[in-house]
């Protein structure tokens, strides 16, 4: 199974690596990148939402709204990084930082 994303058309698809068949395809919106894979659930980091999708079906499993932070002046890393601070999570990539607060 592979998750294919096309930023030009804002679509994503699930590809069966054994057969080469496209299992599903859908509009993806403006997600920045895939941040993690846990079993069949891929975590997608976007500008306004953190989303979990089932890579086998393409179904959205969960959405967590996020708030953009002002990152001017912060030395951002050029690769994705996830870190925990207490019960909060911080995700950084080349041009953004996302923070998830436990509620």
PDB file of N, CA and C in Angstrom:
ATOM      1  N   UNK A   1       0.840  -1.178   0.000  1.00  0.00           N
ATOM      2  CA  UNK A   1       0.000   0.000   0.000  1.00  0.00           C
ATOM      3  C   UNK A   1       0.881   1.236   0.000  1.00  0.00           C
ATOM      4  N   UNK A   2       0.567   2.182  -0.869  1.00  0.00           N
ATOM      5  CA  UNK A   2       1.282   3.459  -0.916  1.00  0.00           C
ATOM      6  C   UNK A   2       0.260   4.583  -0.980  1.00  0.00           C
ATOM      7  N   UNK A   3       0.563   5.679  -0.303  1.00  0.00           N
ATOM      8  CA  UNK A   3      -0.264   6.878  -0.346  1.00  0.00           C
ATOM      9  C   UNK A   3       0.395   7.846  -1.317  1.00  0.00           C
ATOM     10  N   UNK A   4      -0.307   8.171  -2.406  1.00  0.00           N
ATOM     11  CA  UNK A   4       0.203   9.095  -3.413  1.00  0.00           C
ATOM     12  C   UNK A   4      -0.507  10.428  -3.264  1.00  0.00           C
ATOM     13  N   UNK A   5       0.261  11.515  -3.298  1.00  0.00           N
ATOM     14  CA  UNK A   5      -0.334  12.844  -3.181  1.00  0.00           C
ATOM     15  C   UNK A   5       0.124  13.695  -4.346  1.00  0.00           C
ATOM     16  N   UNK A   6      -0.813  14.426  -4.941  1.00  0.00           N
ATOM     17  CA  UNK A   6      -0.504  15.318  -6.055  1.00  0.00           C
ATOM     18  C   UNK A   6      -0.874  16.732  -5.633  1.00  0.00           C
ATOM     19  N   UNK A   7       0.131  17.534  -5.317  1.00  0.00           N
ATOM     20  CA  UNK A   7      -0.128  18.898  -4.856  1.00  0.00           C
ATOM     21  C   UNK A   7      -0.661  19.794  -5.959  1.00  0.00           C
ATOM     22  N   UNK A   8      -0.352  19.485  -7.229  1.00  0.00           N
ATOM     23  CA  UNK A   8      -0.853  20.296  -8.340  1.00  0.00           C
ATOM     24  C   UNK A   8      -2.367  20.183  -8.475  1.00  0.00           C
ATOM     25  N   UNK A   9      -2.909  18.987  -8.262  1.00  0.00           N
ATOM     26  CA  UNK A   9      -4.357  18.769  -8.391  1.00  0.00           C
ATOM     27  C   UNK A   9      -5.051  18.675  -7.041  1.00  0.00           C
ATOM     28  N   UNK A  10      -4.293  18.764  -5.933  1.00  0.00           N
ATOM     29  CA  UNK A  10      -4.824  18.654  -4.568  1.00  0.00           C
ATOM     30  C   UNK A  10      -5.621  17.366  -4.392  1.00  0.00           C
ATOM     31  N   UNK A  11      -5.047  16.251  -4.865  1.00  0.00           N
ATOM     32  CA  UNK A  11      -5.684  14.942  -4.715  1.00  0.00           C
ATOM     33  C   UNK A  11      -4.710  13.970  -4.068  1.00  0.00           C
ATOM     34  N   UNK A  12      -5.263  12.911  -3.501  1.00  0.00           N
ATOM     35  CA  UNK A  12      -4.449  11.816  -2.985  1.00  0.00           C
ATOM     36  C   UNK A  12      -5.125  10.505  -3.336  1.00  0.00           C
ATOM     37  N   UNK A  13      -4.311   9.456  -3.451  1.00  0.00           N
ATOM     38  CA  UNK A  13      -4.812   8.150  -3.869  1.00  0.00           C
ATOM     39  C   UNK A  13      -4.093   7.062  -3.099  1.00  0.00           C
ATOM     40  N   UNK A  14      -4.765   5.921  -2.958  1.00  0.00           N
ATOM     41  CA  UNK A  14      -4.161   4.739  -2.371  1.00  0.00           C
ATOM     42  C   UNK A  14      -3.803   3.770  -3.486  1.00  0.00           C
ATOM     43  N   UNK A  15      -2.556   3.317  -3.506  1.00  0.00           N
ATOM     44  CA  UNK A  15      -2.059   2.426  -4.550  1.00  0.00           C
ATOM     45  C   UNK A  15      -1.708   1.077  -3.942  1.00  0.00           C
ATOM     46  N   UNK A  16      -2.252   0.000  -4.496  1.00  0.00           N
ATOM     47  CA  UNK A  16      -1.891  -1.356  -4.093  1.00  0.00           C
ATOM     48  C   UNK A  16      -0.550  -1.677  -4.740  1.00  0.00           C
ATOM     49  N   UNK A  17       0.501  -1.831  -3.944  1.00  0.00           N
ATOM     50  CA  UNK A  17       1.838  -2.060  -4.480  1.00  0.00           C
ATOM     51  C   UNK A  17       1.987  -3.434  -5.123  1.00  0.00           C
ATOM     52  N   UNK A  18       1.151  -4.397  -4.726  1.00  0.00           N
ATOM     53  CA  UNK A  18       1.224  -5.736  -5.319  1.00  0.00           C
ATOM     54  C   UNK A  18       0.641  -5.769  -6.725  1.00  0.00           C
ATOM     55  N   UNK A  19      -0.460  -5.048  -6.941  1.00  0.00           N
ATOM     56  CA  UNK A  19      -1.155  -5.112  -8.232  1.00  0.00           C
ATOM     57  C   UNK A  19      -0.952  -3.869  -9.090  1.00  0.00           C
ATOM     58  N   UNK A  20      -0.575  -2.754  -8.463  1.00  0.00           N
ATOM     59  CA  UNK A  20      -0.461  -1.493  -9.192  1.00  0.00           C
ATOM     60  C   UNK A  20      -1.792  -0.790  -9.372  1.00  0.00           C
ATOM     61  N   UNK A  21      -2.866  -1.356  -8.802  1.00  0.00           N
ATOM     62  CA  UNK A  21      -4.202  -0.766  -8.930  1.00  0.00           C
ATOM     63  C   UNK A  21      -4.383   0.398  -7.964  1.00  0.00           C
ATOM     64  N   UNK A  22      -5.082   1.434  -8.433  1.00  0.00           N
ATOM     65  CA  UNK A  22      -5.500   2.533  -7.566  1.00  0.00           C
ATOM     66  C   UNK A  22      -6.729   2.049  -6.803  1.00  0.00           C
ATOM     67  N   UNK A  23      -6.646   2.006  -5.470  1.00  0.00           N
ATOM     68  CA  UNK A  23      -7.744   1.520  -4.639  1.00  0.00           C
ATOM     69  C   UNK A  23      -8.773   2.602  -4.365  1.00  0.00           C
ATOM     70  N   UNK A  24      -8.328   3.836  -4.250  1.00  0.00           N
ATOM     71  CA  UNK A  24      -9.225   4.958  -3.995  1.00  0.00           C
ATOM     72  C   UNK A  24      -8.514   6.245  -4.400  1.00  0.00           C
ATOM     73  N   UNK A  25      -9.294   7.276  -4.617  1.00  0.00           N
ATOM     74  CA  UNK A  25      -8.758   8.592  -4.935  1.00  0.00           C
ATOM     75  C   UNK A  25      -9.749   9.629  -4.433  1.00  0.00           C
ATOM     76  N   UNK A  26      -9.240  10.751  -3.926  1.00  0.00           N
ATOM     77  CA  UNK A  26     -10.128  11.794  -3.395  1.00  0.00           C
ATOM     78  C   UNK A  26      -9.419  13.135  -3.414  1.00  0.00           C
ATOM     79  N   UNK A  27     -10.225  14.205  -3.303  1.00  0.00           N
ATOM     80  CA  UNK A  27      -9.669  15.543  -3.148  1.00  0.00           C
ATOM     81  C   UNK A  27      -9.016  15.620  -1.778  1.00  0.00           C
ATOM     82  N   UNK A  28      -7.833  16.191  -1.728  1.00  0.00           N
ATOM     83  CA  UNK A  28      -7.074  16.201  -0.483  1.00  0.00           C
ATOM     84  C   UNK A  28      -7.028  17.561   0.186  1.00  0.00           C
ATOM     85  N   UNK A  29      -7.289  18.621  -0.543  1.00  0.00           N
ATOM     86  CA  UNK A  29      -7.148  19.945   0.041  1.00  0.00           C
ATOM     87  C   UNK A  29      -5.686  20.345   0.099  1.00  0.00           C
ATOM     88  N   UNK A  30      -5.348  21.215   1.018  1.00  0.00           N
ATOM     89  CA  UNK A  30      -3.997  21.791   1.057  1.00  0.00           C
ATOM     90  C   UNK A  30      -3.177  21.258   2.223  1.00  0.00           C
ATOM     91  N   UNK A  31      -2.986  19.965   2.284  1.00  0.00           N
ATOM     92  CA  UNK A  31      -2.164  19.403   3.349  1.00  0.00           C
ATOM     93  C   UNK A  31      -0.696  19.524   3.003  1.00  0.00           C
ATOM     94  N   UNK A  32       0.095  19.914   3.981  1.00  0.00           N
ATOM     95  CA  UNK A  32       1.511  20.147   3.747  1.00  0.00           C
ATOM     96  C   UNK A  32       2.272  18.846   3.519  1.00  0.00           C
ATOM     97  N   UNK A  33       2.058  17.853   4.355  1.00  0.00           N
ATOM     98  CA  UNK A  33       2.803  16.613   4.222  1.00  0.00           C
ATOM     99  C   UNK A  33       2.263  15.539   5.151  1.00  0.00           C
ATOM    100  N   UNK A  34       2.681  14.323   4.855  1.00  0.00           N
ATOM    101  CA  UNK A  34       2.360  13.196   5.730  1.00  0.00           C
ATOM    102  C   UNK A  34       3.410  13.190   6.826  1.00  0.00           C
ATOM    103  N   UNK A  35       2.954  13.229   8.072  1.00  0.00           N
ATOM    104  CA  UNK A  35       3.887  13.313   9.185  1.00  0.00           C
ATOM    105  C   UNK A  35       4.196  11.999   9.849  1.00  0.00           C
ATOM    106  N   UNK A  36       3.246  11.061   9.813  1.00  0.00           N
ATOM    107  CA  UNK A  36       3.451   9.796  10.511  1.00  0.00           C
ATOM    108  C   UNK A  36       2.504   8.749   9.952  1.00  0.00           C
ATOM    109  N   UNK A  37       2.867   7.489  10.162  1.00  0.00           N
ATOM    110  CA  UNK A  37       2.008   6.369   9.804  1.00  0.00           C
ATOM    111  C   UNK A  37       1.956   5.444  10.999  1.00  0.00           C
ATOM    112  N   UNK A  38       0.744   5.157  11.483  1.00  0.00           N
ATOM    113  CA  UNK A  38       0.535   4.263  12.615  1.00  0.00           C
ATOM    114  C   UNK A  38      -0.423   3.182  12.157  1.00  0.00           C
ATOM    115  N   UNK A  39       0.094   2.012  11.814  1.00  0.00           N
ATOM    116  CA  UNK A  39      -0.750   0.968  11.244  1.00  0.00           C
ATOM    117  C   UNK A  39      -1.256   1.422   9.893  1.00  0.00           C
ATOM    118  N   UNK A  40      -2.575   1.470   9.729  1.00  0.00           N
ATOM    119  CA  UNK A  40      -3.183   1.917   8.475  1.00  0.00           C
ATOM    120  C   UNK A  40      -3.571   3.388   8.506  1.00  0.00           C
ATOM    121  N   UNK A  41      -3.250   4.107   9.587  1.00  0.00           N
ATOM    122  CA  UNK A  41      -3.651   5.508   9.733  1.00  0.00           C
ATOM    123  C   UNK A  41      -2.463   6.429   9.463  1.00  0.00           C
ATOM    124  N   UNK A  42      -2.606   7.276   8.438  1.00  0.00           N
ATOM    125  CA  UNK A  42      -1.589   8.286   8.122  1.00  0.00           C
ATOM    126  C   UNK A  42      -2.015   9.605   8.750  1.00  0.00           C
ATOM    127  N   UNK A  43      -1.073  10.297   9.374  1.00  0.00           N
ATOM    128  CA  UNK A  43      -1.326  11.613   9.944  1.00  0.00           C
ATOM    129  C   UNK A  43      -0.847  12.658   8.950  1.00  0.00           C
ATOM    130  N   UNK A  44      -1.770  13.523   8.529  1.00  0.00           N
ATOM    131  CA  UNK A  44      -1.468  14.578   7.569  1.00  0.00           C
ATOM    132  C   UNK A  44      -1.455  15.915   8.294  1.00  0.00           C
ATOM    133  N   UNK A  45      -0.402  16.683   8.095  1.00  0.00           N
ATOM    134  CA  UNK A  45      -0.276  17.997   8.702  1.00  0.00           C
ATOM    135  C   UNK A  45      -0.680  19.043   7.686  1.00  0.00           C
ATOM    136  N   UNK A  46      -1.678  19.842   8.024  1.00  0.00           N
ATOM    137  CA  UNK A  46      -2.144  20.897   7.142  1.00  0.00           C
ATOM    138  C   UNK A  46      -2.099  22.235   7.833  1.00  0.00           C
ATOM    139  N   UNK A  47      -2.382  23.309   7.100  1.00  0.00           N
ATOM    140  CA  UNK A  47      -2.309  24.641   7.688  1.00  0.00           C
ATOM    141  C   UNK A  47      -3.387  24.911   8.733  1.00  0.00           C
ATOM    142  N   UNK A  48      -4.514  24.214   8.675  1.00  0.00           N
ATOM    143  CA  UNK A  48      -5.601  24.482   9.618  1.00  0.00           C
ATOM    144  C   UNK A  48      -6.115  23.243  10.331  1.00  0.00           C
ATOM    145  N   UNK A  49      -5.575  22.060   9.992  1.00  0.00           N
ATOM    146  CA  UNK A  49      -6.076  20.833  10.603  1.00  0.00           C
ATOM    147  C   UNK A  49      -4.993  19.758  10.582  1.00  0.00           C
ATOM    148  N   UNK A  50      -5.000  18.938  11.613  1.00  0.00           N
ATOM    149  CA  UNK A  50      -4.206  17.719  11.661  1.00  0.00           C
ATOM    150  C   UNK A  50      -5.203  16.604  11.402  1.00  0.00           C
ATOM    151  N   UNK A  51      -4.964  15.775  10.370  1.00  0.00           N
ATOM    152  CA  UNK A  51      -5.978  14.808   9.932  1.00  0.00           C
ATOM    153  C   UNK A  51      -5.403  13.401   9.909  1.00  0.00           C
ATOM    154  N   UNK A  52      -6.187  12.442  10.371  1.00  0.00           N
ATOM    155  CA  UNK A  52      -5.839  11.032  10.258  1.00  0.00           C
ATOM    156  C   UNK A  52      -6.703  10.398   9.185  1.00  0.00           C
ATOM    157  N   UNK A  53      -6.071   9.703   8.226  1.00  0.00           N
ATOM    158  CA  UNK A  53      -6.847   8.999   7.208  1.00  0.00           C
ATOM    159  C   UNK A  53      -6.436   7.532   7.183  1.00  0.00           C
ATOM    160  N   UNK A  54      -7.401   6.679   6.886  1.00  0.00           N
ATOM    161  CA  UNK A  54      -7.149   5.255   6.708  1.00  0.00           C
ATOM    162  C   UNK A  54      -6.583   5.079   5.302  1.00  0.00           C
ATOM    163  N   UNK A  55      -5.316   4.660   5.191  1.00  0.00           N
ATOM    164  CA  UNK A  55      -4.680   4.570   3.877  1.00  0.00           C
ATOM    165  C   UNK A  55      -5.268   3.447   3.025  1.00  0.00           C
ATOM    166  N   UNK A  56      -5.954   2.498   3.636  1.00  0.00           N
ATOM    167  CA  UNK A  56      -6.569   1.408   2.870  1.00  0.00           C
ATOM    168  C   UNK A  56      -7.866   1.841   2.187  1.00  0.00           C
ATOM    169  N   UNK A  57      -8.585   2.811   2.796  1.00  0.00           N
ATOM    170  CA  UNK A  57      -9.893   3.218   2.264  1.00  0.00           C
ATOM    171  C   UNK A  57      -9.947   4.675   1.827  1.00  0.00           C
ATOM    172  N   UNK A  58      -9.052   5.510   2.353  1.00  0.00           N
ATOM    173  CA  UNK A  58      -9.094   6.941   2.078  1.00  0.00           C
ATOM    174  C   UNK A  58     -10.046   7.694   2.982  1.00  0.00           C
ATOM    175  N   UNK A  59     -10.708   6.984   3.898  1.00  0.00           N
ATOM    176  CA  UNK A  59     -11.664   7.628   4.804  1.00  0.00           C
ATOM    177  C   UNK A  59     -10.943   8.450   5.871  1.00  0.00           C
ATOM    178  N   UNK A  60     -11.500   9.624   6.178  1.00  0.00           N
ATOM    179  CA  UNK A  60     -10.989  10.442   7.271  1.00  0.00           C
ATOM    180  C   UNK A  60     -11.410   9.775   8.572  1.00  0.00           C
ATOM    181  N   UNK A  61     -10.439   9.497   9.441  1.00  0.00           N
ATOM    182  CA  UNK A  61     -10.697   8.844  10.723  1.00  0.00           C
ATOM    183  C   UNK A  61     -10.890   9.881  11.818  1.00  0.00           C
ATOM    184  N   UNK A  62     -10.116  10.961  11.768  1.00  0.00           N
ATOM    185  CA  UNK A  62     -10.241  12.041  12.742  1.00  0.00           C
ATOM    186  C   UNK A  62      -9.645  13.327  12.175  1.00  0.00           C
ATOM    187  N   UNK A  63     -10.119  14.451  12.699  1.00  0.00           N
ATOM    188  CA  UNK A  63      -9.608  15.790  12.390  1.00  0.00           C
ATOM    189  C   UNK A  63      -9.383  16.534  13.697  1.00  0.00           C
ATOM    190  N   UNK A  64      -8.272  17.221  13.803  1.00  0.00           N
ATOM    191  CA  UNK A  64      -8.015  18.095  14.948  1.00  0.00           C
ATOM    192  C   UNK A  64      -7.692  19.480  14.390  1.00  0.00           C
ATOM    193  N   UNK A  65      -8.549  20.476  14.640  1.00  0.00           N
ATOM    194  CA  UNK A  65      -8.254  21.832  14.162  1.00  0.00           C
ATOM    195  C   UNK A  65      -6.961  22.351  14.795  1.00  0.00           C
ATOM    196  N   UNK A  66      -6.181  23.093  14.032  1.00  0.00           N
ATOM    197  CA  UNK A  66      -4.952  23.695  14.539  1.00  0.00           C
ATOM    198  C   UNK A  66      -5.000  25.195  14.286  1.00  0.00           C
ATOM    199  N   UNK A  67      -4.159  25.911  14.981  1.00  0.00           N
ATOM    200  CA  UNK A  67      -4.064  27.351  14.825  1.00  0.00           C
ATOM    201  C   UNK A  67      -2.656  27.689  14.369  1.00  0.00           C
ATOM    202  N   UNK A  68      -2.547  28.506  13.353  1.00  0.00           N
ATOM    203  CA  UNK A  68      -1.230  28.919  12.870  1.00  0.00           C
ATOM    204  C   UNK A  68      -0.557  29.791  13.918  1.00  0.00           C
ATOM    205  N   UNK A  69       0.738  29.596  14.092  1.00  0.00           N
ATOM    206  CA  UNK A  69       1.522  30.398  15.023  1.00  0.00           C
ATOM    207  C   UNK A  69       2.390  31.363  14.238  1.00  0.00           C
ATOM    208  N   UNK A  70       2.669  32.508  14.819  1.00  0.00           N
ATOM    209  CA  UNK A  70       3.601  33.446  14.203  1.00  0.00           C
ATOM    210  C   UNK A  70       5.001  32.907  14.454  1.00  0.00           C
ATOM    211  N   UNK A  71       5.663  32.457  13.386  1.00  0.00           N
ATOM    212  CA  UNK A  71       6.976  31.840  13.550  1.00  0.00           C
ATOM    213  C   UNK A  71       8.125  32.729  13.066  1.00  0.00           C
ATOM    214  N   UNK A  72       7.856  34.015  12.893  1.00  0.00           N
ATOM    215  CA  UNK A  72       8.904  34.916  12.427  1.00  0.00           C
ATOM    216  C   UNK A  72      10.017  34.988  13.465  1.00  0.00           C
ATOM    217  N   UNK A  73      11.236  34.863  13.006  1.00  0.00           N
ATOM    218  CA  UNK A  73      12.379  34.943  13.903  1.00  0.00           C
ATOM    219  C   UNK A  73      12.770  33.619  14.525  1.00  0.00           C
ATOM    220  N   UNK A  74      11.994  32.565  14.283  1.00  0.00           N
ATOM    221  CA  UNK A  74      12.327  31.255  14.831  1.00  0.00           C
ATOM    222  C   UNK A  74      13.179  30.511  13.815  1.00  0.00           C
ATOM    223  N   UNK A  75      14.277  29.931  14.269  1.00  0.00           N
ATOM    224  CA  UNK A  75      15.145  29.155  13.379  1.00  0.00           C
ATOM    225  C   UNK A  75      14.513  27.782  13.165  1.00  0.00           C
ATOM    226  N   UNK A  76      13.791  27.627  12.050  1.00  0.00           N
ATOM    227  CA  UNK A  76      13.079  26.384  11.778  1.00  0.00           C
ATOM    228  C   UNK A  76      14.003  25.365  11.137  1.00  0.00           C
ATOM    229  N   UNK A  77      13.750  24.122  11.439  1.00  0.00           N
ATOM    230  CA  UNK A  77      14.543  23.050  10.854  1.00  0.00           C
ATOM    231  C   UNK A  77      14.065  22.771   9.441  1.00  0.00           C
ATOM    232  N   UNK A  78      14.917  22.192   8.622  1.00  0.00           N
ATOM    233  CA  UNK A  78      14.563  21.944   7.227  1.00  0.00           C
ATOM    234  C   UNK A  78      14.008  20.546   7.012  1.00  0.00           C
ATOM    235  N   UNK A  79      13.692  19.839   8.065  1.00  0.00           N
ATOM    236  CA  UNK A  79      13.068  18.527   7.947  1.00  0.00           C
ATOM    237  C   UNK A  79      11.970  18.430   8.998  1.00  0.00           C
ATOM    238  N   UNK A  80      10.985  17.561   8.796  1.00  0.00           N
ATOM    239  CA  UNK A  80       9.919  17.448   9.800  1.00  0.00           C
ATOM    240  C   UNK A  80      10.455  16.937  11.133  1.00  0.00           C
ATOM    241  N   UNK A  81       9.900  17.459  12.219  1.00  0.00           N
ATOM    242  CA  UNK A  81      10.269  17.017  13.553  1.00  0.00           C
ATOM    243  C   UNK A  81       9.034  17.108  14.443  1.00  0.00           C
ATOM    244  N   UNK A  82       8.795  16.085  15.232  1.00  0.00           N
ATOM    245  CA  UNK A  82       7.713  16.102  16.205  1.00  0.00           C
ATOM    246  C   UNK A  82       8.340  15.932  17.576  1.00  0.00           C
ATOM    247  N   UNK A  83       7.917  16.731  18.541  1.00  0.00           N
ATOM    248  CA  UNK A  83       8.456  16.633  19.893  1.00  0.00           C
ATOM    249  C   UNK A  83       7.320  16.831  20.884  1.00  0.00           C
ATOM    250  N   UNK A  84       7.475  16.310  22.070  1.00  0.00           N
ATOM    251  CA  UNK A  84       6.476  16.481  23.126  1.00  0.00           C
ATOM    252  C   UNK A  84       7.028  17.423  24.191  1.00  0.00           C
ATOM    253  N   UNK A  85       6.143  18.292  24.681  1.00  0.00           N
ATOM    254  CA  UNK A  85       6.449  19.168  25.801  1.00  0.00           C
ATOM    255  C   UNK A  85       5.332  18.937  26.800  1.00  0.00           C
ATOM    256  N   UNK A  86       5.599  18.143  27.820  1.00  0.00           N
ATOM    257  CA  UNK A  86       4.539  17.746  28.745  1.00  0.00           C
ATOM    258  C   UNK A  86       3.501  16.932  28.002  1.00  0.00           C
ATOM    259  N   UNK A  87       2.248  17.386  28.029  1.00  0.00           N
ATOM    260  CA  UNK A  87       1.180  16.689  27.310  1.00  0.00           C
ATOM    261  C   UNK A  87       0.911  17.310  25.949  1.00  0.00           C
ATOM    262  N   UNK A  88       1.648  18.366  25.593  1.00  0.00           N
ATOM    263  CA  UNK A  88       1.472  19.024  24.301  1.00  0.00           C
ATOM    264  C   UNK A  88       2.441  18.441  23.275  1.00  0.00           C
ATOM    265  N   UNK A  89       2.090  18.567  22.001  1.00  0.00           N
ATOM    266  CA  UNK A  89       2.965  18.128  20.916  1.00  0.00           C
ATOM    267  C   UNK A  89       3.309  19.325  20.044  1.00  0.00           C
ATOM    268  N   UNK A  90       4.534  19.366  19.570  1.00  0.00           N
ATOM    269  CA  UNK A  90       4.974  20.423  18.670  1.00  0.00           C
ATOM    270  C   UNK A  90       5.523  19.765  17.413  1.00  0.00           C
ATOM    271  N   UNK A  91       5.043  20.231  16.247  1.00  0.00           N
ATOM    272  CA  UNK A  91       5.495  19.714  14.959  1.00  0.00           C
ATOM    273  C   UNK A  91       6.129  20.859  14.192  1.00  0.00           C
ATOM    274  N   UNK A  92       7.342  20.666  13.707  1.00  0.00           N
ATOM    275  CA  UNK A  92       7.994  21.700  12.911  1.00  0.00           C
ATOM    276  C   UNK A  92       8.420  21.124  11.570  1.00  0.00           C
ATOM    277  N   UNK A  93       8.422  21.995  10.574  1.00  0.00           N
ATOM    278  CA  UNK A  93       8.986  21.659   9.265  1.00  0.00           C
ATOM    279  C   UNK A  93       9.615  22.932   8.734  1.00  0.00           C
ATOM    280  N   UNK A  94      10.029  22.941   7.500  1.00  0.00           N
ATOM    281  CA  UNK A  94      10.819  24.044   6.968  1.00  0.00           C
ATOM    282  C   UNK A  94      10.170  25.411   7.151  1.00  0.00           C
ATOM    283  N   UNK A  95       8.854  25.523   6.976  1.00  0.00           N
ATOM    284  CA  UNK A  95       8.235  26.845   6.994  1.00  0.00           C
ATOM    285  C   UNK A  95       7.128  27.022   8.012  1.00  0.00           C
ATOM    286  N   UNK A  96       6.937  26.072   8.920  1.00  0.00           N
ATOM    287  CA  UNK A  96       5.847  26.252   9.876  1.00  0.00           C
ATOM    288  C   UNK A  96       6.080  25.474  11.157  1.00  0.00           C
ATOM    289  N   UNK A  97       5.324  25.861  12.165  1.00  0.00           N
ATOM    290  CA  UNK A  97       5.300  25.160  13.441  1.00  0.00           C
ATOM    291  C   UNK A  97       3.835  24.963  13.807  1.00  0.00           C
ATOM    292  N   UNK A  98       3.473  23.765  14.248  1.00  0.00           N
ATOM    293  CA  UNK A  98       2.127  23.496  14.746  1.00  0.00           C
ATOM    294  C   UNK A  98       2.253  22.996  16.173  1.00  0.00           C
ATOM    295  N   UNK A  99       1.391  23.448  17.048  1.00  0.00           N
ATOM    296  CA  UNK A  99       1.381  22.983  18.431  1.00  0.00           C
ATOM    297  C   UNK A  99       0.020  22.390  18.734  1.00  0.00           C
ATOM    298  N   UNK A 100       0.009  21.237  19.380  1.00  0.00           N
ATOM    299  CA  UNK A 100      -1.233  20.583  19.790  1.00  0.00           C
ATOM    300  C   UNK A 100      -1.295  20.612  21.296  1.00  0.00           C
ATOM    301  N   UNK A 101      -2.348  21.188  21.828  1.00  0.00           N
ATOM    302  CA  UNK A 101      -2.526  21.283  23.261  1.00  0.00           C
ATOM    303  C   UNK A 101      -3.468  20.207  23.745  1.00  0.00           C
ATOM    304  N   UNK A 102      -3.088  19.500  24.771  1.00  0.00           N
ATOM    305  CA  UNK A 102      -3.981  18.514  25.378  1.00  0.00           C
ATOM    306  C   UNK A 102      -5.110  19.262  26.072  1.00  0.00           C
ATOM    307  N   UNK A 103      -6.351  18.770  25.933  1.00  0.00           N
ATOM    308  CA  UNK A 103      -7.486  19.438  26.580  1.00  0.00           C
ATOM    309  C   UNK A 103      -8.164  18.516  27.546  1.00  0.00           C
TER     310      UNK A 103
END
